[in-house]
Every structure is written in structure tokens, then in C-alpha cells.
Amino acid sequence: MSWFYKLPLRLRSLFRHAHVEQDLRQEIDFHVQAQTDEYIANGMKPDEALYAALRSLGGVAQIEEQCREARGVGFIEDFVQDLRFGFRMLRRSPGFSLIAILELGPVDEGPVVQS
């Protein structure tokens, strides 16, 4: 798949996260229901058919996680989450933040004299 095709999908995953997650959930629900209906048509009871369908798919949570990883934007989402956490911590303790920023900031040591 070319980058030209992947770019809009990745941007959609980043900026329309809730919509993409809803689409993913609907897709998985469709497959579970289709498998359940197939088992019911073969003579299983509805409860047993649902359980067997969930087992045959290999776990809904694992499938969701695999789909999220396949999108290829997890590192960006993690980075944004880390930035939010960092700013939240800086805002909670402004005194410590000021000292840390001043300590880590650039230091002017004056002119360098070579012997």
C-alpha cells in the first residue's frame, strides 16, 4: 500500500479518533453477529453460538488492539498523551517546574579562553 493511500487513513485515525473507534467496534460486532448467526443456523443455541463465535474470532480485545497497531499512529498518540501528562504535572507544581526549567536551561559560561 502506498503512502499516498495510507496518509488520509492515518490522519483520520489521529483527528477523528472517536469515529474510527466506533467504526472498528461496529465492524467487529458485525463479524461476531455473522459468525453467531452461522452457528445458530447449524443448530446451536443462541448463547452457545455467541460464545463459540467469540472464541473462534480469538478475542475481541486482541483484535481491536491489532487493528489499532495496524493504523501506524500509536507512537503519535502516545507522544501526545505524554505531552499532556507532562504539562499537567508542570501545572500542578509550578515552583518545582520553574526550578527545573532554570536548571536545565542554557548556561552562559562566558568567553572561552584557550591557552
PDB file of N, CA and C in Angstrom:
ATOM      1  N   MET A   1       0.847  -1.165   0.000  1.00  0.00           N
ATOM      2  CA  MET A   1       0.000   0.000   0.000  1.00  0.00           C
ATOM      3  C   MET A   1       0.901   1.240   0.000  1.00  0.00           C
ATOM      4  N   SER A   2       0.623   2.181  -0.848  1.00  0.00           N
ATOM      5  CA  SER A   2       1.473   3.361  -0.977  1.00  0.00           C
ATOM      6  C   SER A   2       1.180   4.380   0.117  1.00  0.00           C
ATOM      7  N   TRP A   3       2.142   5.249   0.338  1.00  0.00           N
ATOM      8  CA  TRP A   3       1.994   6.282   1.362  1.00  0.00           C
ATOM      9  C   TRP A   3       0.852   7.226   1.004  1.00  0.00           C
ATOM     10  N   PHE A   4       0.593   7.399  -0.297  1.00  0.00           N
ATOM     11  CA  PHE A   4      -0.473   8.283  -0.759  1.00  0.00           C
ATOM     12  C   PHE A   4      -1.835   7.779  -0.280  1.00  0.00           C
ATOM     13  N   TYR A   5      -1.981   6.458  -0.208  1.00  0.00           N
ATOM     14  CA  TYR A   5      -3.224   5.869   0.270  1.00  0.00           C
ATOM     15  C   TYR A   5      -3.273   5.836   1.800  1.00  0.00           C
ATOM     16  N   LYS A   6      -2.131   5.604   2.443  1.00  0.00           N
ATOM     17  CA  LYS A   6      -2.075   5.477   3.893  1.00  0.00           C
ATOM     18  C   LYS A   6      -2.243   6.807   4.618  1.00  0.00           C
ATOM     19  N   LEU A   7      -1.759   7.893   4.035  1.00  0.00           N
ATOM     20  CA  LEU A   7      -1.777   9.189   4.712  1.00  0.00           C
ATOM     21  C   LEU A   7      -3.174   9.625   5.136  1.00  0.00           C
ATOM     22  N   PRO A   8      -4.174   9.625   4.251  1.00  0.00           N
ATOM     23  CA  PRO A   8      -5.511  10.031   4.715  1.00  0.00           C
ATOM     24  C   PRO A   8      -6.073   9.121   5.809  1.00  0.00           C
ATOM     25  N   LEU A   9      -5.770   7.829   5.733  1.00  0.00           N
ATOM     26  CA  LEU A   9      -6.259   6.907   6.760  1.00  0.00           C
ATOM     27  C   LEU A   9      -5.624   7.207   8.111  1.00  0.00           C
ATOM     28  N   ARG A  10      -4.331   7.507   8.110  1.00  0.00           N
ATOM     29  CA  ARG A  10      -3.650   7.823   9.363  1.00  0.00           C
ATOM     30  C   ARG A  10      -4.116   9.160   9.924  1.00  0.00           C
ATOM     31  N   LEU A  11      -4.317  10.145   9.063  1.00  0.00           N
ATOM     32  CA  LEU A  11      -4.825  11.435   9.538  1.00  0.00           C
ATOM     33  C   LEU A  11      -6.223  11.279  10.128  1.00  0.00           C
ATOM     34  N   ARG A  12      -7.032  10.453   9.493  1.00  0.00           N
ATOM     35  CA  ARG A  12      -8.376  10.197  10.012  1.00  0.00           C
ATOM     36  C   ARG A  12      -8.290   9.532  11.384  1.00  0.00           C
ATOM     37  N   SER A  13      -7.349   8.612  11.539  1.00  0.00           N
ATOM     38  CA  SER A  13      -7.180   7.938  12.821  1.00  0.00           C
ATOM     39  C   SER A  13      -6.747   8.906  13.918  1.00  0.00           C
ATOM     40  N   LEU A  14      -5.956   9.910  13.548  1.00  0.00           N
ATOM     41  CA  LEU A  14      -5.485  10.870  14.541  1.00  0.00           C
ATOM     42  C   LEU A  14      -6.548  11.889  14.931  1.00  0.00           C
ATOM     43  N   PHE A  15      -7.236  12.436  13.933  1.00  0.00           N
ATOM     44  CA  PHE A  15      -8.121  13.564  14.194  1.00  0.00           C
ATOM     45  C   PHE A  15      -9.586  13.188  14.379  1.00  0.00           C
ATOM     46  N   ARG A  16      -9.952  11.984  13.998  1.00  0.00           N
ATOM     47  CA  ARG A  16     -11.332  11.522  14.167  1.00  0.00           C
ATOM     48  C   ARG A  16     -11.329  10.222  14.961  1.00  0.00           C
ATOM     49  N   HIS A  17     -10.585  10.223  16.052  1.00  0.00           N
ATOM     50  CA  HIS A  17     -10.337   9.009  16.832  1.00  0.00           C
ATOM     51  C   HIS A  17     -11.636   8.340  17.295  1.00  0.00           C
ATOM     52  N   ALA A  18     -12.550   9.111  17.821  1.00  0.00           N
ATOM     53  CA  ALA A  18     -13.801   8.530  18.333  1.00  0.00           C
ATOM     54  C   ALA A  18     -14.597   7.874  17.207  1.00  0.00           C
ATOM     55  N   HIS A  19     -14.634   8.517  16.050  1.00  0.00           N
ATOM     56  CA  HIS A  19     -15.369   7.972  14.908  1.00  0.00           C
ATOM     57  C   HIS A  19     -14.717   6.685  14.413  1.00  0.00           C
ATOM     58  N   VAL A  20     -13.400   6.669  14.361  1.00  0.00           N
ATOM     59  CA  VAL A  20     -12.671   5.483  13.909  1.00  0.00           C
ATOM     60  C   VAL A  20     -12.879   4.330  14.886  1.00  0.00           C
ATOM     61  N   GLU A  21     -12.858   4.620  16.175  1.00  0.00           N
ATOM     62  CA  GLU A  21     -13.091   3.583  17.180  1.00  0.00           C
ATOM     63  C   GLU A  21     -14.514   3.030  17.084  1.00  0.00           C
ATOM     64  N   GLN A  22     -15.470   3.900  16.817  1.00  0.00           N
ATOM     65  CA  GLN A  22     -16.851   3.455  16.653  1.00  0.00           C
ATOM     66  C   GLN A  22     -16.977   2.556  15.425  1.00  0.00           C
ATOM     67  N   ASP A  23     -16.331   2.932  14.322  1.00  0.00           N
ATOM     68  CA  ASP A  23     -16.340   2.100  13.114  1.00  0.00           C
ATOM     69  C   ASP A  23     -15.714   0.741  13.380  1.00  0.00           C
ATOM     70  N   LEU A  24     -14.606   0.727  14.112  1.00  0.00           N
ATOM     71  CA  LEU A  24     -13.944  -0.526  14.447  1.00  0.00           C
ATOM     72  C   LEU A  24     -14.858  -1.413  15.276  1.00  0.00           C
ATOM     73  N   ARG A  25     -15.505  -0.835  16.261  1.00  0.00           N
ATOM     74  CA  ARG A  25     -16.405  -1.603  17.119  1.00  0.00           C
ATOM     75  C   ARG A  25     -17.570  -2.179  16.314  1.00  0.00           C
ATOM     76  N   GLN A  26     -18.138  -1.384  15.401  1.00  0.00           N
ATOM     77  CA  GLN A  26     -19.237  -1.860  14.567  1.00  0.00           C
ATOM     78  C   GLN A  26     -18.783  -2.992  13.650  1.00  0.00           C
ATOM     79  N   GLU A  27     -17.588  -2.875  13.115  1.00  0.00           N
ATOM     80  CA  GLU A  27     -17.047  -3.917  12.234  1.00  0.00           C
ATOM     81  C   GLU A  27     -16.882  -5.236  12.991  1.00  0.00           C
ATOM     82  N   ILE A  28     -16.324  -5.162  14.187  1.00  0.00           N
ATOM     83  CA  ILE A  28     -16.131  -6.378  14.976  1.00  0.00           C
ATOM     84  C   ILE A  28     -17.478  -6.969  15.396  1.00  0.00           C
ATOM     85  N   ASP A  29     -18.404  -6.110  15.796  1.00  0.00           N
ATOM     86  CA  ASP A  29     -19.744  -6.591  16.157  1.00  0.00           C
ATOM     87  C   ASP A  29     -20.424  -7.286  14.984  1.00  0.00           C
ATOM     88  N   PHE A  30     -20.229  -6.750  13.776  1.00  0.00           N
ATOM     89  CA  PHE A  30     -20.797  -7.370  12.584  1.00  0.00           C
ATOM     90  C   PHE A  30     -20.246  -8.775  12.392  1.00  0.00           C
ATOM     91  N   HIS A  31     -18.930  -8.934  12.541  1.00  0.00           N
ATOM     92  CA  HIS A  31     -18.319 -10.246  12.339  1.00  0.00           C
ATOM     93  C   HIS A  31     -18.749 -11.236  13.422  1.00  0.00           C
ATOM     94  N   VAL A  32     -18.863 -10.765  14.657  1.00  0.00           N
ATOM     95  CA  VAL A  32     -19.333 -11.632  15.738  1.00  0.00           C
ATOM     96  C   VAL A  32     -20.768 -12.071  15.458  1.00  0.00           C
ATOM     97  N   GLN A  33     -21.609 -11.145  15.038  1.00  0.00           N
ATOM     98  CA  GLN A  33     -23.006 -11.471  14.754  1.00  0.00           C
ATOM     99  C   GLN A  33     -23.123 -12.423  13.572  1.00  0.00           C
ATOM    100  N   ALA A  34     -22.321 -12.208  12.527  1.00  0.00           N
ATOM    101  CA  ALA A  34     -22.369 -13.092  11.363  1.00  0.00           C
ATOM    102  C   ALA A  34     -21.951 -14.508  11.742  1.00  0.00           C
ATOM    103  N   GLN A  35     -20.907 -14.621  12.550  1.00  0.00           N
ATOM    104  CA  GLN A  35     -20.452 -15.946  12.990  1.00  0.00           C
ATOM    105  C   GLN A  35     -21.484 -16.589  13.898  1.00  0.00           C
ATOM    106  N   THR A  36     -22.107 -15.782  14.778  1.00  0.00           N
ATOM    107  CA  THR A  36     -23.148 -16.298  15.665  1.00  0.00           C
ATOM    108  C   THR A  36     -24.331 -16.818  14.858  1.00  0.00           C
ATOM    109  N   ASP A  37     -24.745 -16.043  13.862  1.00  0.00           N
ATOM    110  CA  ASP A  37     -25.871 -16.468  13.011  1.00  0.00           C
ATOM    111  C   ASP A  37     -25.547 -17.771  12.281  1.00  0.00           C
ATOM    112  N   GLU A  38     -24.317 -17.922  11.859  1.00  0.00           N
ATOM    113  CA  GLU A  38     -23.911 -19.146  11.169  1.00  0.00           C
ATOM    114  C   GLU A  38     -23.990 -20.345  12.117  1.00  0.00           C
ATOM    115  N   TYR A  39     -23.539 -20.165  13.353  1.00  0.00           N
ATOM    116  CA  TYR A  39     -23.613 -21.255  14.323  1.00  0.00           C
ATOM    117  C   TYR A  39     -25.064 -21.593  14.679  1.00  0.00           C
ATOM    118  N   ILE A  40     -25.911 -20.577  14.777  1.00  0.00           N
ATOM    119  CA  ILE A  40     -27.329 -20.815  15.072  1.00  0.00           C
ATOM    120  C   ILE A  40     -27.983 -21.578  13.924  1.00  0.00           C
ATOM    121  N   ALA A  41     -27.626 -21.222  12.689  1.00  0.00           N
ATOM    122  CA  ALA A  41     -28.164 -21.925  11.527  1.00  0.00           C
ATOM    123  C   ALA A  41     -27.721 -23.382  11.501  1.00  0.00           C
ATOM    124  N   ASN A  42     -26.581 -23.669  12.103  1.00  0.00           N
ATOM    125  CA  ASN A  42     -26.090 -25.052  12.166  1.00  0.00           C
ATOM    126  C   ASN A  42     -26.658 -25.817  13.355  1.00  0.00           C
ATOM    127  N   GLY A  43     -27.542 -25.167  14.158  1.00  0.00           N
ATOM    128  CA  GLY A  43     -28.238 -25.890  15.207  1.00  0.00           C
ATOM    129  C   GLY A  43     -27.805 -25.586  16.624  1.00  0.00           C
ATOM    130  N   MET A  44     -26.935 -24.624  16.843  1.00  0.00           N
ATOM    131  CA  MET A  44     -26.530 -24.283  18.209  1.00  0.00           C
ATOM    132  C   MET A  44     -27.564 -23.382  18.865  1.00  0.00           C
ATOM    133  N   LYS A  45     -27.573 -23.401  20.189  1.00  0.00           N
ATOM    134  CA  LYS A  45     -28.412 -22.466  20.936  1.00  0.00           C
ATOM    135  C   LYS A  45     -27.779 -21.079  20.845  1.00  0.00           C
ATOM    136  N   PRO A  46     -28.587 -20.005  20.929  1.00  0.00           N
ATOM    137  CA  PRO A  46     -28.037 -18.647  20.764  1.00  0.00           C
ATOM    138  C   PRO A  46     -26.902 -18.305  21.725  1.00  0.00           C
ATOM    139  N   ASP A  47     -27.036 -18.675  22.998  1.00  0.00           N
ATOM    140  CA  ASP A  47     -25.965 -18.372  23.960  1.00  0.00           C
ATOM    141  C   ASP A  47     -24.687 -19.118  23.619  1.00  0.00           C
ATOM    142  N   GLU A  48     -24.819 -20.385  23.295  1.00  0.00           N
ATOM    143  CA  GLU A  48     -23.658 -21.184  22.918  1.00  0.00           C
ATOM    144  C   GLU A  48     -23.033 -20.668  21.628  1.00  0.00           C
ATOM    145  N   ALA A  49     -23.884 -20.260  20.694  1.00  0.00           N
ATOM    146  CA  ALA A  49     -23.394 -19.760  19.413  1.00  0.00           C
ATOM    147  C   ALA A  49     -22.592 -18.479  19.597  1.00  0.00           C
ATOM    148  N   LEU A  50     -23.061 -17.590  20.451  1.00  0.00           N
ATOM    149  CA  LEU A  50     -22.329 -16.348  20.711  1.00  0.00           C
ATOM    150  C   LEU A  50     -20.977 -16.642  21.345  1.00  0.00           C
ATOM    151  N   TYR A  51     -20.969 -17.532  22.327  1.00  0.00           N
ATOM    152  CA  TYR A  51     -19.717 -17.889  22.992  1.00  0.00           C
ATOM    153  C   TYR A  51     -18.737 -18.528  22.004  1.00  0.00           C
ATOM    154  N   ALA A  52     -19.245 -19.416  21.161  1.00  0.00           N
ATOM    155  CA  ALA A  52     -18.393 -20.072  20.168  1.00  0.00           C
ATOM    156  C   ALA A  52     -17.873 -19.061  19.142  1.00  0.00           C
ATOM    157  N   ALA A  53     -18.702 -18.097  18.768  1.00  0.00           N
ATOM    158  CA  ALA A  53     -18.270 -17.068  17.808  1.00  0.00           C
ATOM    159  C   ALA A  53     -17.155 -16.216  18.395  1.00  0.00           C
ATOM    160  N   LEU A  54     -17.293 -15.830  19.648  1.00  0.00           N
ATOM    161  CA  LEU A  54     -16.254 -15.034  20.306  1.00  0.00           C
ATOM    162  C   LEU A  54     -14.953 -15.829  20.417  1.00  0.00           C
ATOM    163  N   ARG A  55     -15.069 -17.118  20.724  1.00  0.00           N
ATOM    164  CA  ARG A  55     -13.873 -17.974  20.799  1.00  0.00           C
ATOM    165  C   ARG A  55     -13.219 -18.125  19.438  1.00  0.00           C
ATOM    166  N   SER A  56     -14.031 -18.307  18.393  1.00  0.00           N
ATOM    167  CA  SER A  56     -13.462 -18.546  17.057  1.00  0.00           C
ATOM    168  C   SER A  56     -12.750 -17.309  16.513  1.00  0.00           C
ATOM    169  N   LEU A  57     -13.188 -16.125  16.935  1.00  0.00           N
ATOM    170  CA  LEU A  57     -12.518 -14.909  16.479  1.00  0.00           C
ATOM    171  C   LEU A  57     -11.219 -14.655  17.229  1.00  0.00           C
ATOM    172  N   GLY A  58     -11.040 -15.272  18.362  1.00  0.00           N
ATOM    173  CA  GLY A  58      -9.772 -15.153  19.081  1.00  0.00           C
ATOM    174  C   GLY A  58      -9.728 -14.030  20.093  1.00  0.00           C
ATOM    175  N   GLY A  59     -10.833 -13.499  20.480  1.00  0.00           N
ATOM    176  CA  GLY A  59     -10.851 -12.446  21.491  1.00  0.00           C
ATOM    177  C   GLY A  59     -11.007 -11.074  20.866  1.00  0.00           C
ATOM    178  N   VAL A  60     -12.060 -10.400  21.250  1.00  0.00           N
ATOM    179  CA  VAL A  60     -12.383  -9.094  20.681  1.00  0.00           C
ATOM    180  C   VAL A  60     -11.333  -8.048  21.055  1.00  0.00           C
ATOM    181  N   ALA A  61     -10.874  -8.069  22.287  1.00  0.00           N
ATOM    182  CA  ALA A  61      -9.889  -7.070  22.723  1.00  0.00           C
ATOM    183  C   ALA A  61      -8.584  -7.206  21.949  1.00  0.00           C
ATOM    184  N   GLN A  62      -8.163  -8.428  21.682  1.00  0.00           N
ATOM    185  CA  GLN A  62      -6.933  -8.631  20.919  1.00  0.00           C
ATOM    186  C   GLN A  62      -7.084  -8.153  19.482  1.00  0.00           C
ATOM    187  N   ILE A  63      -8.235  -8.402  18.900  1.00  0.00           N
ATOM    188  CA  ILE A  63      -8.477  -7.947  17.526  1.00  0.00           C
ATOM    189  C   ILE A  63      -8.474  -6.429  17.470  1.00  0.00           C
ATOM    190  N   GLU A  64      -9.134  -5.789  18.431  1.00  0.00           N
ATOM    191  CA  GLU A  64      -9.148  -4.322  18.460  1.00  0.00           C
ATOM    192  C   GLU A  64      -7.731  -3.774  18.574  1.00  0.00           C
ATOM    193  N   GLU A  65      -6.919  -4.367  19.433  1.00  0.00           N
ATOM    194  CA  GLU A  65      -5.545  -3.892  19.612  1.00  0.00           C
ATOM    195  C   GLU A  65      -4.716  -4.092  18.350  1.00  0.00           C
ATOM    196  N   GLN A  66      -4.896  -5.203  17.673  1.00  0.00           N
ATOM    197  CA  GLN A  66      -4.176  -5.442  16.416  1.00  0.00           C
ATOM    198  C   GLN A  66      -4.564  -4.415  15.357  1.00  0.00           C
ATOM    199  N   CYS A  67      -5.837  -4.078  15.302  1.00  0.00           N
ATOM    200  CA  CYS A  67      -6.300  -3.075  14.323  1.00  0.00           C
ATOM    201  C   CYS A  67      -5.725  -1.704  14.655  1.00  0.00           C
ATOM    202  N   ARG A  68      -5.663  -1.364  15.931  1.00  0.00           N
ATOM    203  CA  ARG A  68      -5.088  -0.075  16.323  1.00  0.00           C
ATOM    204  C   ARG A  68      -3.607  -0.014  15.967  1.00  0.00           C
ATOM    205  N   GLU A  69      -2.888  -1.108  16.186  1.00  0.00           N
ATOM    206  CA  GLU A  69      -1.472  -1.141  15.842  1.00  0.00           C
ATOM    207  C   GLU A  69      -1.263  -1.058  14.340  1.00  0.00           C
ATOM    208  N   ALA A  70      -2.171  -1.642  13.571  1.00  0.00           N
ATOM    209  CA  ALA A  70      -2.044  -1.629  12.113  1.00  0.00           C
ATOM    210  C   ALA A  70      -2.225  -0.226  11.536  1.00  0.00           C
ATOM    211  N   ARG A  71      -2.897   0.648  12.255  1.00  0.00           N
ATOM    212  CA  ARG A  71      -3.081   2.015  11.766  1.00  0.00           C
ATOM    213  C   ARG A  71      -1.769   2.772  11.662  1.00  0.00           C
ATOM    214  N   GLY A  72      -0.815   2.448  12.514  1.00  0.00           N
ATOM    215  CA  GLY A  72       0.507   3.063  12.451  1.00  0.00           C
ATOM    216  C   GLY A  72       0.596   4.453  13.049  1.00  0.00           C
ATOM    217  N   VAL A  73      -0.305   4.812  13.937  1.00  0.00           N
ATOM    218  CA  VAL A  73      -0.253   6.136  14.556  1.00  0.00           C
ATOM    219  C   VAL A  73      -0.133   6.049  16.072  1.00  0.00           C
ATOM    220  N   GLY A  74       0.146   4.873  16.576  1.00  0.00           N
ATOM    221  CA  GLY A  74       0.235   4.686  18.016  1.00  0.00           C
ATOM    222  C   GLY A  74       1.311   5.519  18.665  1.00  0.00           C
ATOM    223  N   PHE A  75       2.457   5.653  18.000  1.00  0.00           N
ATOM    224  CA  PHE A  75       3.548   6.434  18.582  1.00  0.00           C
ATOM    225  C   PHE A  75       3.182   7.904  18.691  1.00  0.00           C
ATOM    226  N   ILE A  76       2.422   8.413  17.759  1.00  0.00           N
ATOM    227  CA  ILE A  76       1.994   9.817  17.818  1.00  0.00           C
ATOM    228  C   ILE A  76       0.989   9.998  18.956  1.00  0.00           C
ATOM    229  N   GLU A  77       0.041   9.069  19.072  1.00  0.00           N
ATOM    230  CA  GLU A  77      -0.932   9.145  20.154  1.00  0.00           C
ATOM    231  C   GLU A  77      -0.242   9.056  21.517  1.00  0.00           C
ATOM    232  N   ASP A  78       0.752   8.177  21.624  1.00  0.00           N
ATOM    233  CA  ASP A  78       1.496   8.053  22.879  1.00  0.00           C
ATOM    234  C   ASP A  78       2.270   9.331  23.192  1.00  0.00           C
ATOM    235  N   PHE A  79       2.876   9.938  22.177  1.00  0.00           N
ATOM    236  CA  PHE A  79       3.635  11.171  22.368  1.00  0.00           C
ATOM    237  C   PHE A  79       2.727  12.295  22.850  1.00  0.00           C
ATOM    238  N   VAL A  80       1.561  12.435  22.244  1.00  0.00           N
ATOM    239  CA  VAL A  80       0.615  13.475  22.653  1.00  0.00           C
ATOM    240  C   VAL A  80       0.135  13.223  24.076  1.00  0.00           C
ATOM    241  N   GLN A  81      -0.113  11.968  24.412  1.00  0.00           N
ATOM    242  CA  GLN A  81      -0.531  11.634  25.772  1.00  0.00           C
ATOM    243  C   GLN A  81       0.575  11.976  26.768  1.00  0.00           C
ATOM    244  N   ASP A  82       1.831  11.692  26.422  1.00  0.00           N
ATOM    245  CA  ASP A  82       2.947  12.032  27.299  1.00  0.00           C
ATOM    246  C   ASP A  82       3.092  13.542  27.474  1.00  0.00           C
ATOM    247  N   LEU A  83       2.891  14.312  26.394  1.00  0.00           N
ATOM    248  CA  LEU A  83       2.954  15.771  26.496  1.00  0.00           C
ATOM    249  C   LEU A  83       1.876  16.302  27.431  1.00  0.00           C
ATOM    250  N   ARG A  84       0.665  15.790  27.284  1.00  0.00           N
ATOM    251  CA  ARG A  84      -0.423  16.234  28.163  1.00  0.00           C
ATOM    252  C   ARG A  84      -0.111  15.942  29.620  1.00  0.00           C
ATOM    253  N   PHE A  85       0.408  14.743  29.867  1.00  0.00           N
ATOM    254  CA  PHE A  85       0.764  14.381  31.233  1.00  0.00           C
ATOM    255  C   PHE A  85       1.858  15.294  31.767  1.00  0.00           C
ATOM    256  N   GLY A  86       2.870  15.567  30.950  1.00  0.00           N
ATOM    257  CA  GLY A  86       3.965  16.441  31.374  1.00  0.00           C
ATOM    258  C   GLY A  86       3.489  17.840  31.710  1.00  0.00           C
ATOM    259  N   PHE A  87       2.653  18.413  30.862  1.00  0.00           N
ATOM    260  CA  PHE A  87       2.137  19.756  31.134  1.00  0.00           C
ATOM    261  C   PHE A  87       1.242  19.774  32.367  1.00  0.00           C
ATOM    262  N   ARG A  88       0.482  18.704  32.560  1.00  0.00           N
ATOM    263  CA  ARG A  88      -0.366  18.621  33.747  1.00  0.00           C
ATOM    264  C   ARG A  88       0.494  18.591  35.014  1.00  0.00           C
ATOM    265  N   MET A  89       1.595  17.863  34.989  1.00  0.00           N
ATOM    266  CA  MET A  89       2.484  17.803  36.145  1.00  0.00           C
ATOM    267  C   MET A  89       3.192  19.150  36.366  1.00  0.00           C
ATOM    268  N   LEU A  90       3.577  19.817  35.284  1.00  0.00           N
ATOM    269  CA  LEU A  90       4.196  21.137  35.419  1.00  0.00           C
ATOM    270  C   LEU A  90       3.221  22.139  36.037  1.00  0.00           C
ATOM    271  N   ARG A  91       1.964  22.048  35.658  1.00  0.00           N
ATOM    272  CA  ARG A  91       0.952  22.966  36.165  1.00  0.00           C
ATOM    273  C   ARG A  91       0.639  22.702  37.630  1.00  0.00           C
ATOM    274  N   ARG A  92       0.740  21.461  38.065  1.00  0.00           N
ATOM    275  CA  ARG A  92       0.418  21.124  39.453  1.00  0.00           C
ATOM    276  C   ARG A  92       1.474  21.609  40.435  1.00  0.00           C
ATOM    277  N   SER A  93       2.725  21.688  40.005  1.00  0.00           N
ATOM    278  CA  SER A  93       3.783  22.132  40.924  1.00  0.00           C
ATOM    279  C   SER A  93       4.635  23.195  40.234  1.00  0.00           C
ATOM    280  N   PRO A  94       4.152  24.439  40.205  1.00  0.00           N
ATOM    281  CA  PRO A  94       4.835  25.491  39.466  1.00  0.00           C
ATOM    282  C   PRO A  94       6.211  25.839  40.042  1.00  0.00           C
ATOM    283  N   GLY A  95       6.396  25.747  41.344  1.00  0.00           N
ATOM    284  CA  GLY A  95       7.704  26.051  41.941  1.00  0.00           C
ATOM    285  C   GLY A  95       8.765  25.081  41.460  1.00  0.00           C
ATOM    286  N   PHE A  96       8.464  23.801  41.537  1.00  0.00           N
ATOM    287  CA  PHE A  96       9.399  22.787  41.062  1.00  0.00           C
ATOM    288  C   PHE A  96       9.643  22.951  39.569  1.00  0.00           C
ATOM    289  N   SER A  97       8.593  23.261  38.821  1.00  0.00           N
ATOM    290  CA  SER A  97       8.729  23.433  37.374  1.00  0.00           C
ATOM    291  C   SER A  97       9.674  24.574  37.043  1.00  0.00           C
ATOM    292  N   LEU A  98       9.531  25.693  37.741  1.00  0.00           N
ATOM    293  CA  LEU A  98      10.394  26.842  37.488  1.00  0.00           C
ATOM    294  C   LEU A  98      11.851  26.500  37.782  1.00  0.00           C
ATOM    295  N   ILE A  99      12.102  25.837  38.896  1.00  0.00           N
ATOM    296  CA  ILE A  99      13.478  25.469  39.247  1.00  0.00           C
ATOM    297  C   ILE A  99      14.044  24.488  38.223  1.00  0.00           C
ATOM    298  N   ALA A 100      13.252  23.511  37.809  1.00  0.00           N
ATOM    299  CA  ALA A 100      13.718  22.530  36.830  1.00  0.00           C
ATOM    300  C   ALA A 100      14.027  23.192  35.493  1.00  0.00           C
ATOM    301  N   ILE A 101      13.175  24.102  35.049  1.00  0.00           N
ATOM    302  CA  ILE A 101      13.399  24.783  33.770  1.00  0.00           C
ATOM    303  C   ILE A 101      14.642  25.651  33.838  1.00  0.00           C
ATOM    304  N   LEU A 102      14.816  26.383  34.942  1.00  0.00           N
ATOM    305  CA  LEU A 102      16.003  27.219  35.079  1.00  0.00           C
ATOM    306  C   LEU A 102      17.279  26.375  35.152  1.00  0.00           C
ATOM    307  N   GLU A 103      17.197  25.249  35.824  1.00  0.00           N
ATOM    308  CA  GLU A 103      18.369  24.378  35.966  1.00  0.00           C
ATOM    309  C   GLU A 103      18.741  23.714  34.642  1.00  0.00           C
ATOM    310  N   LEU A 104      17.756  23.339  33.862  1.00  0.00           N
ATOM    311  CA  LEU A 104      18.018  22.647  32.601  1.00  0.00           C
ATOM    312  C   LEU A 104      18.234  23.600  31.434  1.00  0.00           C
ATOM    313  N   GLY A 105      17.982  24.875  31.649  1.00  0.00           N
ATOM    314  CA  GLY A 105      18.139  25.860  30.584  1.00  0.00           C
ATOM    315  C   GLY A 105      19.600  26.057  30.201  1.00  0.00           C
ATOM    316  N   PRO A 106      19.818  26.784  29.105  1.00  0.00           N
ATOM    317  CA  PRO A 106      21.199  27.015  28.655  1.00  0.00           C
ATOM    318  C   PRO A 106      21.970  27.869  29.663  1.00  0.00           C
ATOM    319  N   VAL A 107      23.236  27.581  29.777  1.00  0.00           N
ATOM    320  CA  VAL A 107      24.111  28.276  30.712  1.00  0.00           C
ATOM    321  C   VAL A 107      25.144  29.043  29.890  1.00  0.00           C
ATOM    322  N   ASP A 108      25.282  30.323  30.183  1.00  0.00           N
ATOM    323  CA  ASP A 108      26.288  31.128  29.500  1.00  0.00           C
ATOM    324  C   ASP A 108      27.533  31.163  30.407  1.00  0.00           C
ATOM    325  N   GLU A 109      28.585  30.508  29.965  1.00  0.00           N
ATOM    326  CA  GLU A 109      29.797  30.415  30.772  1.00  0.00           C
ATOM    327  C   GLU A 109      30.796  31.500  30.421  1.00  0.00           C
ATOM    328  N   GLY A 110      30.415  32.415  29.615  1.00  0.00           N
ATOM    329  CA  GLY A 110      31.317  33.482  29.235  1.00  0.00           C
ATOM    330  C   GLY A 110      32.245  33.067  28.102  1.00  0.00           C
ATOM    331  N   PRO A 111      33.181  33.942  27.759  1.00  0.00           N
ATOM    332  CA  PRO A 111      34.072  33.617  26.637  1.00  0.00           C
ATOM    333  C   PRO A 111      35.027  32.473  27.001  1.00  0.00           C
ATOM    334  N   VAL A 112      35.326  31.683  26.000  1.00  0.00           N
ATOM    335  CA  VAL A 112      36.225  30.562  26.182  1.00  0.00           C
ATOM    336  C   VAL A 112      37.639  31.050  25.879  1.00  0.00           C
ATOM    337  N   VAL A 113      38.549  30.865  26.838  1.00  0.00           N
ATOM    338  CA  VAL A 113      39.933  31.288  26.681  1.00  0.00           C
ATOM    339  C   VAL A 113      40.794  30.053  26.439  1.00  0.00           C
ATOM    340  N   GLN A 114      41.513  30.065  25.346  1.00  0.00           N
ATOM    341  CA  GLN A 114      42.385  28.935  25.058  1.00  0.00           C
ATOM    342  C   GLN A 114      43.817  29.297  25.385  1.00  0.00           C
ATOM    343  N   SER A 115      44.567  28.393  25.978  1.00  0.00           N
ATOM    344  CA  SER A 115      45.955  28.648  26.340  1.00  0.00           C
ATOM    345  C   SER A 115      46.896  28.130  25.290  1.00  0.00           C
TER     346      SER A 115
END
